[in-house]
Amino acid sequence: MALMAHADGSWARATAHADEAPQVHQGGPRRLWDLLDEVRSHWLTNGELPVRGAKVFVKPDGSTYLARGKWLAKL
């Protein structure tokens, strides 16, 4: 079982046995499992995580972003 939660109220729970595909339940404003699966897919396709070598940008309002190539994530 894997559990994920975010301060914005988003959550995900995935359960699986042995090599079965996980059964995923998630809710809230973000789909955390889907976001994790996108990162995992990038890792398997490119052999590294997208954050490796990313640049950090802090906007005047304090919002922070990581960016590398076409990849962008707001923290």
PDB file of N, CA and C in Angstrom:
ATOM      1  N   MET A   1       0.841  -1.165   0.000  1.00  0.00           N
ATOM      2  CA  MET A   1       0.000   0.000   0.000  1.00  0.00           C
ATOM      3  C   MET A   1       0.892   1.235   0.000  1.00  0.00           C
ATOM      4  N   ALA A   2       0.528   2.198  -0.827  1.00  0.00           N
ATOM      5  CA  ALA A   2       1.219   3.486  -0.866  1.00  0.00           C
ATOM      6  C   ALA A   2       0.189   4.568  -0.576  1.00  0.00           C
ATOM      7  N   LEU A   3       0.565   5.510   0.287  1.00  0.00           N
ATOM      8  CA  LEU A   3      -0.301   6.629   0.638  1.00  0.00           C
ATOM      9  C   LEU A   3       0.410   7.929   0.312  1.00  0.00           C
ATOM     10  N   MET A   4      -0.316   8.872  -0.249  1.00  0.00           N
ATOM     11  CA  MET A   4       0.232  10.201  -0.529  1.00  0.00           C
ATOM     12  C   MET A   4      -0.797  11.228  -0.086  1.00  0.00           C
ATOM     13  N   ALA A   5      -0.312  12.358   0.435  1.00  0.00           N
ATOM     14  CA  ALA A   5      -1.210  13.436   0.848  1.00  0.00           C
ATOM     15  C   ALA A   5      -0.521  14.772   0.616  1.00  0.00           C
ATOM     16  N   HIS A   6      -1.312  15.798   0.372  1.00  0.00           N
ATOM     17  CA  HIS A   6      -0.802  17.143   0.150  1.00  0.00           C
ATOM     18  C   HIS A   6      -1.598  18.098   1.027  1.00  0.00           C
ATOM     19  N   ALA A   7      -0.985  19.184   1.415  1.00  0.00           N
ATOM     20  CA  ALA A   7      -1.636  20.173   2.285  1.00  0.00           C
ATOM     21  C   ALA A   7      -2.897  20.770   1.658  1.00  0.00           C
ATOM     22  N   ASP A   8      -3.031  20.727   0.339  1.00  0.00           N
ATOM     23  CA  ASP A   8      -4.226  21.286  -0.313  1.00  0.00           C
ATOM     24  C   ASP A   8      -5.432  20.351  -0.227  1.00  0.00           C
ATOM     25  N   GLY A   9      -5.282  19.208   0.449  1.00  0.00           N
ATOM     26  CA  GLY A   9      -6.373  18.259   0.594  1.00  0.00           C
ATOM     27  C   GLY A   9      -6.335  17.108  -0.393  1.00  0.00           C
ATOM     28  N   SER A  10      -5.397  17.130  -1.321  1.00  0.00           N
ATOM     29  CA  SER A  10      -5.266  16.032  -2.276  1.00  0.00           C
ATOM     30  C   SER A  10      -4.718  14.798  -1.566  1.00  0.00           C
ATOM     31  N   TRP A  11      -5.149  13.628  -2.017  1.00  0.00           N
ATOM     32  CA  TRP A  11      -4.672  12.384  -1.435  1.00  0.00           C
ATOM     33  C   TRP A  11      -4.747  11.274  -2.479  1.00  0.00           C
ATOM     34  N   ALA A  12      -3.952  10.243  -2.264  1.00  0.00           N
ATOM     35  CA  ALA A  12      -3.997   9.056  -3.119  1.00  0.00           C
ATOM     36  C   ALA A  12      -3.625   7.844  -2.282  1.00  0.00           C
ATOM     37  N   ARG A  13      -4.274   6.720  -2.597  1.00  0.00           N
ATOM     38  CA  ARG A  13      -3.963   5.451  -1.953  1.00  0.00           C
ATOM     39  C   ARG A  13      -3.916   4.400  -3.053  1.00  0.00           C
ATOM     40  N   ALA A  14      -2.845   3.657  -3.086  1.00  0.00           N
ATOM     41  CA  ALA A  14      -2.695   2.594  -4.081  1.00  0.00           C
ATOM     42  C   ALA A  14      -2.377   1.296  -3.355  1.00  0.00           C
ATOM     43  N   THR A  15      -3.076   0.237  -3.735  1.00  0.00           N
ATOM     44  CA  THR A  15      -2.818  -1.074  -3.141  1.00  0.00           C
ATOM     45  C   THR A  15      -2.632  -2.094  -4.263  1.00  0.00           C
ATOM     46  N   ALA A  16      -1.728  -3.029  -4.016  1.00  0.00           N
ATOM     47  CA  ALA A  16      -1.477  -4.100  -4.980  1.00  0.00           C
ATOM     48  C   ALA A  16      -0.854  -5.278  -4.249  1.00  0.00           C
ATOM     49  N   HIS A  17      -0.933  -6.430  -4.868  1.00  0.00           N
ATOM     50  CA  HIS A  17      -0.306  -7.642  -4.344  1.00  0.00           C
ATOM     51  C   HIS A  17       0.629  -8.183  -5.411  1.00  0.00           C
ATOM     52  N   ALA A  18       1.822  -8.569  -4.964  1.00  0.00           N
ATOM     53  CA  ALA A  18       2.837  -9.139  -5.856  1.00  0.00           C
ATOM     54  C   ALA A  18       3.065  -8.228  -7.058  1.00  0.00           C
ATOM     55  N   ASP A  19       2.899  -8.749  -8.278  1.00  0.00           N
ATOM     56  CA  ASP A  19       3.183  -7.933  -9.464  1.00  0.00           C
ATOM     57  C   ASP A  19       1.910  -7.431 -10.154  1.00  0.00           C
ATOM     58  N   GLU A  20       0.794  -7.392  -9.408  1.00  0.00           N
ATOM     59  CA  GLU A  20      -0.452  -6.858  -9.958  1.00  0.00           C
ATOM     60  C   GLU A  20      -0.335  -5.350 -10.186  1.00  0.00           C
ATOM     61  N   ALA A  21      -1.119  -4.843 -11.125  1.00  0.00           N
ATOM     62  CA  ALA A  21      -1.241  -3.391 -11.273  1.00  0.00           C
ATOM     63  C   ALA A  21      -1.972  -2.862 -10.040  1.00  0.00           C
ATOM     64  N   PRO A  22      -1.571  -1.711  -9.523  1.00  0.00           N
ATOM     65  CA  PRO A  22      -2.211  -1.197  -8.314  1.00  0.00           C
ATOM     66  C   PRO A  22      -3.642  -0.720  -8.571  1.00  0.00           C
ATOM     67  N   GLN A  23      -4.470  -0.858  -7.533  1.00  0.00           N
ATOM     68  CA  GLN A  23      -5.795  -0.267  -7.551  1.00  0.00           C
ATOM     69  C   GLN A  23      -5.643   1.082  -6.852  1.00  0.00           C
ATOM     70  N   VAL A  24      -5.978   2.165  -7.558  1.00  0.00           N
ATOM     71  CA  VAL A  24      -5.711   3.517  -7.060  1.00  0.00           C
ATOM     72  C   VAL A  24      -7.018   4.237  -6.764  1.00  0.00           C
ATOM     73  N   HIS A  25      -7.039   4.900  -5.612  1.00  0.00           N
ATOM     74  CA  HIS A  25      -8.133   5.785  -5.225  1.00  0.00           C
ATOM     75  C   HIS A  25      -7.490   7.125  -4.911  1.00  0.00           C
ATOM     76  N   GLN A  26      -8.062   8.212  -5.414  1.00  0.00           N
ATOM     77  CA  GLN A  26      -7.493   9.528  -5.154  1.00  0.00           C
ATOM     78  C   GLN A  26      -8.592  10.583  -5.157  1.00  0.00           C
ATOM     79  N   GLY A  27      -8.312  11.692  -4.492  1.00  0.00           N
ATOM     80  CA  GLY A  27      -9.289  12.768  -4.427  1.00  0.00           C
ATOM     81  C   GLY A  27      -8.604  14.092  -4.146  1.00  0.00           C
ATOM     82  N   GLY A  28      -9.391  15.152  -4.153  1.00  0.00           N
ATOM     83  CA  GLY A  28      -8.856  16.491  -3.923  1.00  0.00           C
ATOM     84  C   GLY A  28      -8.569  17.201  -5.228  1.00  0.00           C
ATOM     85  N   PRO A  29      -8.033  18.408  -5.145  1.00  0.00           N
ATOM     86  CA  PRO A  29      -7.808  19.207  -6.357  1.00  0.00           C
ATOM     87  C   PRO A  29      -6.717  18.681  -7.287  1.00  0.00           C
ATOM     88  N   ARG A  30      -5.776  17.904  -6.775  1.00  0.00           N
ATOM     89  CA  ARG A  30      -4.721  17.325  -7.615  1.00  0.00           C
ATOM     90  C   ARG A  30      -4.867  15.814  -7.636  1.00  0.00           C
ATOM     91  N   ARG A  31      -4.476  15.199  -8.693  1.00  0.00           N
ATOM     92  CA  ARG A  31      -4.452  13.738  -8.785  1.00  0.00           C
ATOM     93  C   ARG A  31      -3.010  13.312  -8.562  1.00  0.00           C
ATOM     94  N   LEU A  32      -2.656  13.077  -7.281  1.00  0.00           N
ATOM     95  CA  LEU A  32      -1.263  12.830  -6.901  1.00  0.00           C
ATOM     96  C   LEU A  32      -0.682  11.586  -7.565  1.00  0.00           C
ATOM     97  N   TRP A  33      -1.472  10.517  -7.680  1.00  0.00           N
ATOM     98  CA  TRP A  33      -0.950   9.305  -8.313  1.00  0.00           C
ATOM     99  C   TRP A  33      -0.621   9.566  -9.774  1.00  0.00           C
ATOM    100  N   ASP A  34      -1.482  10.322 -10.443  1.00  0.00           N
ATOM    101  CA  ASP A  34      -1.242  10.643 -11.854  1.00  0.00           C
ATOM    102  C   ASP A  34       0.039  11.464 -12.011  1.00  0.00           C
ATOM    103  N   LEU A  35       0.265  12.400 -11.100  1.00  0.00           N
ATOM    104  CA  LEU A  35       1.487  13.207 -11.145  1.00  0.00           C
ATOM    105  C   LEU A  35       2.719  12.322 -10.929  1.00  0.00           C
ATOM    106  N   LEU A  36       2.633  11.420  -9.956  1.00  0.00           N
ATOM    107  CA  LEU A  36       3.743  10.497  -9.704  1.00  0.00           C
ATOM    108  C   LEU A  36       3.994   9.611 -10.919  1.00  0.00           C
ATOM    109  N   ASP A  37       2.927   9.147 -11.551  1.00  0.00           N
ATOM    110  CA  ASP A  37       3.080   8.280 -12.721  1.00  0.00           C
ATOM    111  C   ASP A  37       3.729   9.024 -13.885  1.00  0.00           C
ATOM    112  N   GLU A  38       3.443  10.326 -14.047  1.00  0.00           N
ATOM    113  CA  GLU A  38       4.102  11.127 -15.090  1.00  0.00           C
ATOM    114  C   GLU A  38       5.600  11.206 -14.843  1.00  0.00           C
ATOM    115  N   VAL A  39       5.999  11.423 -13.583  1.00  0.00           N
ATOM    116  CA  VAL A  39       7.426  11.499 -13.242  1.00  0.00           C
ATOM    117  C   VAL A  39       8.084  10.143 -13.475  1.00  0.00           C
ATOM    118  N   ARG A  40       7.403   9.065 -13.066  1.00  0.00           N
ATOM    119  CA  ARG A  40       7.949   7.715 -13.266  1.00  0.00           C
ATOM    120  C   ARG A  40       8.127   7.406 -14.744  1.00  0.00           C
ATOM    121  N   SER A  41       7.167   7.801 -15.545  1.00  0.00           N
ATOM    122  CA  SER A  41       7.246   7.580 -16.993  1.00  0.00           C
ATOM    123  C   SER A  41       8.439   8.329 -17.585  1.00  0.00           C
ATOM    124  N   HIS A  42       8.641   9.574 -17.161  1.00  0.00           N
ATOM    125  CA  HIS A  42       9.792  10.360 -17.639  1.00  0.00           C
ATOM    126  C   HIS A  42      11.091   9.661 -17.255  1.00  0.00           C
ATOM    127  N   TRP A  43      11.150   9.176 -16.018  1.00  0.00           N
ATOM    128  CA  TRP A  43      12.338   8.490 -15.526  1.00  0.00           C
ATOM    129  C   TRP A  43      12.639   7.259 -16.379  1.00  0.00           C
ATOM    130  N   LEU A  44      11.614   6.431 -16.651  1.00  0.00           N
ATOM    131  CA  LEU A  44      11.833   5.216 -17.434  1.00  0.00           C
ATOM    132  C   LEU A  44      12.197   5.521 -18.887  1.00  0.00           C
ATOM    133  N   THR A  45      11.620   6.573 -19.443  1.00  0.00           N
ATOM    134  CA  THR A  45      11.882   6.933 -20.838  1.00  0.00           C
ATOM    135  C   THR A  45      13.250   7.576 -21.018  1.00  0.00           C
ATOM    136  N   ASN A  46      13.645   8.450 -20.071  1.00  0.00           N
ATOM    137  CA  ASN A  46      14.863   9.246 -20.221  1.00  0.00           C
ATOM    138  C   ASN A  46      16.032   8.802 -19.349  1.00  0.00           C
ATOM    139  N   GLY A  47      15.787   7.880 -18.434  1.00  0.00           N
ATOM    140  CA  GLY A  47      16.862   7.372 -17.584  1.00  0.00           C
ATOM    141  C   GLY A  47      17.255   8.292 -16.452  1.00  0.00           C
ATOM    142  N   GLU A  48      16.471   9.333 -16.213  1.00  0.00           N
ATOM    143  CA  GLU A  48      16.743  10.235 -15.100  1.00  0.00           C
ATOM    144  C   GLU A  48      15.465  11.002 -14.756  1.00  0.00           C
ATOM    145  N   LEU A  49      15.439  11.544 -13.571  1.00  0.00           N
ATOM    146  CA  LEU A  49      14.281  12.329 -13.155  1.00  0.00           C
ATOM    147  C   LEU A  49      14.352  13.726 -13.762  1.00  0.00           C
ATOM    148  N   PRO A  50      13.204  14.334 -14.068  1.00  0.00           N
ATOM    149  CA  PRO A  50      13.219  15.637 -14.726  1.00  0.00           C
ATOM    150  C   PRO A  50      13.816  16.750 -13.867  1.00  0.00           C
ATOM    151  N   VAL A  51      13.843  16.577 -12.570  1.00  0.00           N
ATOM    152  CA  VAL A  51      14.361  17.630 -11.696  1.00  0.00           C
ATOM    153  C   VAL A  51      15.896  17.725 -11.746  1.00  0.00           C
ATOM    154  N   ARG A  52      16.561  16.680 -12.209  1.00  0.00           N
ATOM    155  CA  ARG A  52      18.030  16.692 -12.282  1.00  0.00           C
ATOM    156  C   ARG A  52      18.478  17.800 -13.232  1.00  0.00           C
ATOM    157  N   GLY A  53      19.244  18.737 -12.721  1.00  0.00           N
ATOM    158  CA  GLY A  53      19.741  19.841 -13.523  1.00  0.00           C
ATOM    159  C   GLY A  53      18.737  20.970 -13.716  1.00  0.00           C
ATOM    160  N   ALA A  54      17.625  20.917 -13.011  1.00  0.00           N
ATOM    161  CA  ALA A  54      16.603  21.965 -13.163  1.00  0.00           C
ATOM    162  C   ALA A  54      17.071  23.282 -12.555  1.00  0.00           C
ATOM    163  N   LYS A  55      16.546  24.376 -13.072  1.00  0.00           N
ATOM    164  CA  LYS A  55      16.808  25.700 -12.534  1.00  0.00           C
ATOM    165  C   LYS A  55      15.647  26.087 -11.632  1.00  0.00           C
ATOM    166  N   VAL A  56      15.940  26.888 -10.618  1.00  0.00           N
ATOM    167  CA  VAL A  56      14.918  27.349  -9.678  1.00  0.00           C
ATOM    168  C   VAL A  56      14.598  28.798  -9.977  1.00  0.00           C
ATOM    169  N   PHE A  57      13.297  29.107 -10.045  1.00  0.00           N
ATOM    170  CA  PHE A  57      12.844  30.482 -10.258  1.00  0.00           C
ATOM    171  C   PHE A  57      11.914  30.862  -9.115  1.00  0.00           C
ATOM    172  N   VAL A  58      12.175  32.009  -8.505  1.00  0.00           N
ATOM    173  CA  VAL A  58      11.308  32.526  -7.449  1.00  0.00           C
ATOM    174  C   VAL A  58      10.711  33.824  -7.948  1.00  0.00           C
ATOM    175  N   LYS A  59       9.391  33.864  -8.033  1.00  0.00           N
ATOM    176  CA  LYS A  59       8.689  35.051  -8.530  1.00  0.00           C
ATOM    177  C   LYS A  59       8.525  36.065  -7.397  1.00  0.00           C
ATOM    178  N   PRO A  60       8.251  37.333  -7.728  1.00  0.00           N
ATOM    179  CA  PRO A  60       8.101  38.366  -6.697  1.00  0.00           C
ATOM    180  C   PRO A  60       7.039  38.026  -5.640  1.00  0.00           C
ATOM    181  N   ASP A  61       6.014  37.241  -6.013  1.00  0.00           N
ATOM    182  CA  ASP A  61       4.982  36.876  -5.038  1.00  0.00           C
ATOM    183  C   ASP A  61       5.406  35.718  -4.136  1.00  0.00           C
ATOM    184  N   GLY A  62       6.625  35.213  -4.343  1.00  0.00           N
ATOM    185  CA  GLY A  62       7.158  34.135  -3.519  1.00  0.00           C
ATOM    186  C   GLY A  62       6.935  32.744  -4.086  1.00  0.00           C
ATOM    187  N   SER A  63       6.159  32.613  -5.157  1.00  0.00           N
ATOM    188  CA  SER A  63       5.957  31.287  -5.744  1.00  0.00           C
ATOM    189  C   SER A  63       7.273  30.800  -6.351  1.00  0.00           C
ATOM    190  N   THR A  64       7.515  29.514  -6.217  1.00  0.00           N
ATOM    191  CA  THR A  64       8.781  28.924  -6.631  1.00  0.00           C
ATOM    192  C   THR A  64       8.538  27.862  -7.694  1.00  0.00           C
ATOM    193  N   TYR A  65       9.366  27.857  -8.726  1.00  0.00           N
ATOM    194  CA  TYR A  65       9.240  26.915  -9.837  1.00  0.00           C
ATOM    195  C   TYR A  65      10.573  26.236 -10.097  1.00  0.00           C
ATOM    196  N   LEU A  66      10.503  24.986 -10.514  1.00  0.00           N
ATOM    197  CA  LEU A  66      11.657  24.264 -11.033  1.00  0.00           C
ATOM    198  C   LEU A  66      11.405  24.080 -12.517  1.00  0.00           C
ATOM    199  N   ALA A  67      12.431  24.278 -13.341  1.00  0.00           N
ATOM    200  CA  ALA A  67      12.259  24.141 -14.787  1.00  0.00           C
ATOM    201  C   ALA A  67      13.495  23.517 -15.402  1.00  0.00           C
ATOM    202  N   ARG A  68      13.247  22.649 -16.376  1.00  0.00           N
ATOM    203  CA  ARG A  68      14.325  22.044 -17.167  1.00  0.00           C
ATOM    204  C   ARG A  68      13.744  21.689 -18.514  1.00  0.00           C
ATOM    205  N   GLY A  69      14.238  22.309 -19.559  1.00  0.00           N
ATOM    206  CA  GLY A  69      13.696  22.082 -20.896  1.00  0.00           C
ATOM    207  C   GLY A  69      12.230  22.455 -20.936  1.00  0.00           C
ATOM    208  N   LYS A  70      11.370  21.542 -21.388  1.00  0.00           N
ATOM    209  CA  LYS A  70       9.932  21.798 -21.442  1.00  0.00           C
ATOM    210  C   LYS A  70       9.230  21.451 -20.132  1.00  0.00           C
ATOM    211  N   TRP A  71       9.949  20.876 -19.180  1.00  0.00           N
ATOM    212  CA  TRP A  71       9.359  20.459 -17.902  1.00  0.00           C
ATOM    213  C   TRP A  71       9.325  21.634 -16.935  1.00  0.00           C
ATOM    214  N   LEU A  72       8.221  21.790 -16.216  1.00  0.00           N
ATOM    215  CA  LEU A  72       8.053  22.874 -15.248  1.00  0.00           C
ATOM    216  C   LEU A  72       7.205  22.359 -14.095  1.00  0.00           C
ATOM    217  N   ALA A  73       7.621  22.680 -12.877  1.00  0.00           N
ATOM    218  CA  ALA A  73       6.833  22.288 -11.698  1.00  0.00           C
ATOM    219  C   ALA A  73       6.782  23.449 -10.723  1.00  0.00           C
ATOM    220  N   LYS A  74       5.587  23.740 -10.238  1.00  0.00           N
ATOM    221  CA  LYS A  74       5.417  24.747  -9.194  1.00  0.00           C
ATOM    222  C   LYS A  74       5.508  24.049  -7.846  1.00  0.00           C
ATOM    223  N   LEU A  75       6.317  24.596  -6.955  1.00  0.00           N
ATOM    224  CA  LEU A  75       6.447  23.988  -5.626  1.00  0.00           C
ATOM    225  C   LEU A  75       5.457  24.580  -4.671  1.00  0.00           C
TER     226      LEU A  75
END
